[in-house]
Amino acid sequence: MKLALTALALAATAGMANATLLTNGGFETPDASAGDVPGAPPGWSGFNDPGTQNTTQQFALNGLQSFKLFGPFDFVGGGTGIVQSVPAAPGEIYNGSIWALNSSADALQGADFFVYKIEFLNASGGLAAGGLLGVDVFESVQFTAASAQDVWTELGVGTAPAPAGTAAVQVVAVKVQLGDPQFNGGSVFLDDATLNLVPAPGTAALIGVAGLAATRRRRA
């Protein structure tokens, strides 16, 4: 009975941790079957050139579609990408991930890179702690021209605790253009973006108690 109860608690806790808070994390809308659809997809907001942001059926990890970023050619030292936010509170802990593809048909070049971020915002929409890495900004490793080609790679952001002043948490998927030449080619394809609220300590124990009660009721 203890083993069954433990399994129930772990399964329920894992389900809570893996239930993404994002809308359209798989980029299955809008329908790109007639060709790439520029701009941020539903559930997301774009920044900088929307023409460098495309929902596509050229590649997909799961489903039929992915999201493509390239450039931004007019923003050397800047980036193009998409963001999505949900309400959050200080002390909550989040993690998340996204899958990226560096296609040999349109590989990243030069010093350009992609990165996935979790950021915490205050009630005014600014960064809760002013933009401190490891405090209100948490990043995946950079996905670069040296990253393996033609394979999907998971980029994770783990253990991101919300600091004081947090009113929202957002994920940022950004392709950054660096250095010369300004018009570096190359794209990054993205799929299955997630943002997860990590259960607080003791949640598993509470789930276990609930599972025990349910087991007793069924036996009765």
Protein backbone atom coordinates (compact mmCIF):
# COMPACT_ATOMS: atom_id res chain seq x y z
CA MET A 1 0.00 0.00 0.00
CA LYS A 2 2.85 2.38 0.82
CA LEU A 3 4.44 1.72 -2.57
CA ALA A 4 1.17 2.38 -4.35
CA LEU A 5 0.63 5.56 -2.35
CA THR A 6 4.13 6.80 -3.10
CA ALA A 7 3.65 6.13 -6.81
CA LEU A 8 0.36 8.01 -6.76
CA ALA A 9 1.95 10.99 -5.05
CA LEU A 10 4.91 11.10 -7.42
CA ALA A 11 2.73 10.76 -10.49
CA ALA A 12 0.45 13.57 -9.36
CA THR A 13 3.40 15.82 -8.51
CA ALA A 14 5.05 15.14 -11.86
CA GLY A 15 1.81 15.98 -13.60
CA MET A 16 1.68 19.34 -11.84
CA ALA A 17 5.28 20.12 -12.75
CA ASN A 18 4.88 19.19 -16.40
CA ALA A 19 1.59 20.95 -17.14
CA THR A 20 2.83 23.93 -19.13
CA LEU A 21 1.25 27.31 -18.44
CA LEU A 22 1.81 28.51 -22.01
CA THR A 23 -0.77 28.90 -24.74
CA ASN A 24 0.16 27.51 -28.17
CA GLY A 25 3.56 26.29 -27.00
CA GLY A 26 3.63 23.86 -29.92
CA PHE A 27 2.98 26.64 -32.49
CA GLU A 28 0.17 24.65 -34.12
CA THR A 29 -1.72 27.87 -34.92
CA PRO A 30 -2.04 29.74 -37.22
CA ASP A 31 -2.35 27.16 -40.00
CA ALA A 32 0.83 27.37 -42.10
CA SER A 33 -0.13 24.67 -44.60
CA ALA A 34 -0.36 27.28 -47.36
CA GLY A 35 3.07 28.73 -46.51
CA ASP A 36 4.91 30.45 -43.67
CA VAL A 37 2.78 32.87 -41.63
CA PRO A 38 4.76 35.93 -40.46
CA GLY A 39 4.47 37.54 -37.05
CA ALA A 40 3.86 36.29 -33.54
CA PRO A 41 1.44 33.33 -33.29
CA PRO A 42 -1.70 33.37 -31.09
CA GLY A 43 -0.86 33.50 -27.39
CA TRP A 44 2.48 35.22 -28.01
CA SER A 45 3.65 38.81 -28.52
CA GLY A 46 6.46 39.63 -30.91
CA PHE A 47 9.22 42.23 -30.68
CA ASN A 48 11.28 43.89 -33.41
CA ASP A 49 10.82 42.86 -37.06
CA PRO A 50 7.71 40.61 -37.40
CA GLY A 51 8.92 39.57 -40.86
CA THR A 52 11.73 37.59 -39.18
CA GLN A 53 9.20 35.61 -37.13
CA ASN A 54 7.27 32.85 -38.91
CA THR A 55 5.02 29.92 -38.10
CA THR A 56 6.08 27.19 -40.51
CA GLN A 57 5.51 23.59 -41.57
CA GLN A 58 9.07 23.27 -42.88
CA PHE A 59 10.09 21.34 -39.74
CA ALA A 60 8.34 20.07 -36.61
CA LEU A 61 9.35 18.11 -33.52
CA ASN A 62 5.74 17.24 -32.69
CA GLY A 63 2.55 18.05 -34.49
CA LEU A 64 2.76 19.68 -37.91
CA GLN A 65 4.38 23.05 -37.23
CA SER A 66 7.22 24.91 -35.57
CA PHE A 67 8.30 28.54 -35.22
CA LYS A 68 11.16 30.09 -37.18
CA LEU A 69 13.36 33.07 -36.22
CA PHE A 70 16.06 34.72 -38.33
CA GLY A 71 17.85 38.08 -38.53
CA PRO A 72 17.12 40.66 -37.18
CA PHE A 73 19.22 42.28 -39.91
CA ASP A 74 18.47 45.87 -38.88
CA PHE A 75 19.20 45.29 -35.19
CA VAL A 76 22.89 44.42 -34.92
CA GLY A 77 23.52 43.64 -31.27
CA GLY A 78 19.78 43.20 -30.78
CA GLY A 79 17.27 40.46 -31.22
CA THR A 80 13.97 39.37 -32.66
CA GLY A 81 11.58 37.05 -30.93
CA ILE A 82 8.40 36.34 -29.05
CA VAL A 83 7.25 36.52 -25.43
CA GLN A 84 4.36 35.19 -23.36
CA SER A 85 3.51 36.00 -19.75
CA VAL A 86 1.19 34.73 -17.00
CA PRO A 87 0.45 36.04 -13.50
CA ALA A 88 2.94 35.01 -10.79
CA ALA A 89 3.75 35.74 -7.16
CA PRO A 90 6.96 36.18 -5.15
CA GLY A 91 8.42 32.91 -3.89
CA GLU A 92 6.95 30.73 -6.63
CA ILE A 93 9.46 28.59 -8.51
CA TYR A 94 9.34 28.00 -12.24
CA ASN A 95 11.18 26.06 -14.89
CA GLY A 96 10.74 25.70 -18.62
CA SER A 97 12.24 24.54 -21.88
CA ILE A 98 12.05 24.80 -25.63
CA TRP A 99 13.33 22.59 -28.44
CA ALA A 100 15.56 24.16 -31.11
CA LEU A 101 16.73 23.00 -34.53
CA ASN A 102 19.80 24.26 -36.40
CA SER A 103 19.03 23.10 -39.94
CA SER A 104 21.95 22.50 -42.30
CA ALA A 105 19.77 23.97 -45.05
CA ASP A 106 19.73 27.35 -43.26
CA ALA A 107 22.27 27.04 -40.44
CA LEU A 108 23.10 29.73 -37.91
CA GLN A 109 26.18 31.75 -38.84
CA GLY A 110 28.86 33.87 -37.20
CA ALA A 111 28.31 34.92 -33.60
CA ASP A 112 24.52 34.87 -33.85
CA PHE A 113 22.70 32.81 -31.23
CA PHE A 114 19.31 31.87 -29.78
CA VAL A 115 18.44 31.79 -26.09
CA TYR A 116 15.31 30.94 -24.06
CA LYS A 117 14.62 33.00 -20.94
CA ILE A 118 12.37 33.12 -17.91
CA GLU A 119 11.89 36.67 -16.60
CA PHE A 120 9.94 38.05 -13.65
CA LEU A 121 8.00 41.29 -14.06
CA ASN A 122 6.61 43.79 -11.57
CA ALA A 123 3.11 45.28 -11.69
CA SER A 124 4.33 48.00 -14.09
CA GLY A 125 5.65 45.45 -16.57
CA GLY A 126 9.32 46.08 -15.84
CA LEU A 127 11.82 43.51 -14.61
CA ALA A 128 11.13 42.92 -10.93
CA ALA A 129 14.74 43.38 -9.78
CA GLY A 130 15.96 45.62 -12.58
CA GLY A 131 17.34 42.88 -14.84
CA LEU A 132 19.74 40.84 -12.72
CA LEU A 133 20.84 37.52 -14.16
CA GLY A 134 19.99 34.78 -11.67
CA VAL A 135 17.59 37.04 -9.76
CA ASP A 136 14.82 38.12 -12.13
CA VAL A 137 16.31 36.83 -15.41
CA PHE A 138 17.16 33.16 -16.00
CA GLU A 139 18.55 31.86 -19.30
CA SER A 140 19.17 28.60 -21.11
CA VAL A 141 22.56 27.90 -22.63
CA GLN A 142 23.06 29.69 -25.94
CA PHE A 143 22.16 27.84 -29.12
CA THR A 144 24.81 28.85 -31.68
CA ALA A 145 26.34 28.14 -35.08
CA ALA A 146 28.41 25.46 -33.33
CA SER A 147 25.30 23.60 -32.14
CA ALA A 148 24.60 20.23 -33.73
CA GLN A 149 22.75 20.46 -37.03
CA ASP A 150 19.62 18.64 -38.14
CA VAL A 151 18.72 17.36 -34.66
CA TRP A 152 16.25 18.82 -32.19
CA THR A 153 17.98 20.02 -29.01
CA GLU A 154 16.18 20.80 -25.74
CA LEU A 155 17.18 24.09 -24.09
CA GLY A 156 16.10 24.19 -20.46
CA VAL A 157 15.75 26.89 -17.84
CA GLY A 158 15.51 25.38 -14.37
CA THR A 159 14.89 26.52 -10.81
CA ALA A 160 13.83 30.11 -11.38
CA PRO A 161 12.42 31.52 -8.10
CA ALA A 162 10.27 34.63 -8.33
CA PRO A 163 11.83 37.56 -6.41
CA ALA A 164 10.07 40.19 -4.30
CA GLY A 165 7.85 42.46 -6.37
CA THR A 166 6.89 39.77 -8.91
CA ALA A 167 3.48 40.15 -10.52
CA ALA A 168 4.05 38.07 -13.66
CA VAL A 169 6.45 35.58 -15.19
CA GLN A 170 7.27 35.58 -18.88
CA VAL A 171 9.23 33.42 -21.27
CA VAL A 172 11.31 35.01 -24.02
CA ALA A 173 12.43 33.20 -27.17
CA VAL A 174 15.00 35.44 -28.87
CA LYS A 175 17.37 35.14 -31.84
CA VAL A 176 20.27 37.60 -31.37
CA GLN A 177 22.25 39.17 -34.25
CA LEU A 178 25.84 40.05 -33.35
CA GLY A 179 28.82 41.61 -35.11
CA ASP A 180 29.68 41.76 -38.80
CA PRO A 181 28.62 41.01 -41.40
CA GLN A 182 25.30 42.53 -40.45
CA PHE A 183 23.37 40.26 -42.78
CA ASN A 184 24.40 36.90 -41.39
CA GLY A 185 22.15 34.18 -42.74
CA GLY A 186 20.70 31.34 -40.74
CA SER A 187 17.56 30.52 -38.84
CA VAL A 188 16.54 28.70 -35.71
CA PHE A 189 13.40 26.54 -35.64
CA LEU A 190 11.53 26.16 -32.32
CA ASP A 191 8.92 23.75 -30.96
CA ASP A 192 7.26 22.60 -27.73
CA ALA A 193 7.93 25.62 -25.52
CA THR A 194 6.98 25.16 -21.86
CA LEU A 195 6.71 27.13 -18.64
CA ASN A 196 6.01 25.14 -15.47
CA LEU A 197 5.17 26.06 -11.90
CA VAL A 198 7.17 23.78 -9.62
CA PRO A 199 5.12 22.36 -6.71
CA ALA A 200 6.02 23.83 -3.33
CA PRO A 201 7.83 21.59 -0.80
CA GLY A 202 5.32 19.39 0.99
CA THR A 203 2.90 19.23 -1.94
CA ALA A 204 3.77 15.60 -2.60
CA ALA A 205 3.03 14.75 1.03
CA LEU A 206 -0.35 16.46 0.81
CA ILE A 207 -1.14 14.59 -2.40
CA GLY A 208 -0.11 11.38 -0.66
CA VAL A 209 -2.54 12.04 2.19
CA ALA A 210 -5.31 12.72 -0.31
CA GLY A 211 -4.44 9.51 -2.15
CA LEU A 212 -4.50 7.53 1.08
CA ALA A 213 -7.93 8.88 1.94
CA ALA A 214 -9.21 8.01 -1.52
CA THR A 215 -7.78 4.48 -1.25
CA ARG A 216 -9.47 3.98 2.12
CA ARG A 217 -12.80 5.20 0.73
CA ARG A 218 -12.59 2.78 -2.21
CA ARG A 219 -11.80 -0.13 0.14
CA ALA A 220 -14.66 0.80 2.40
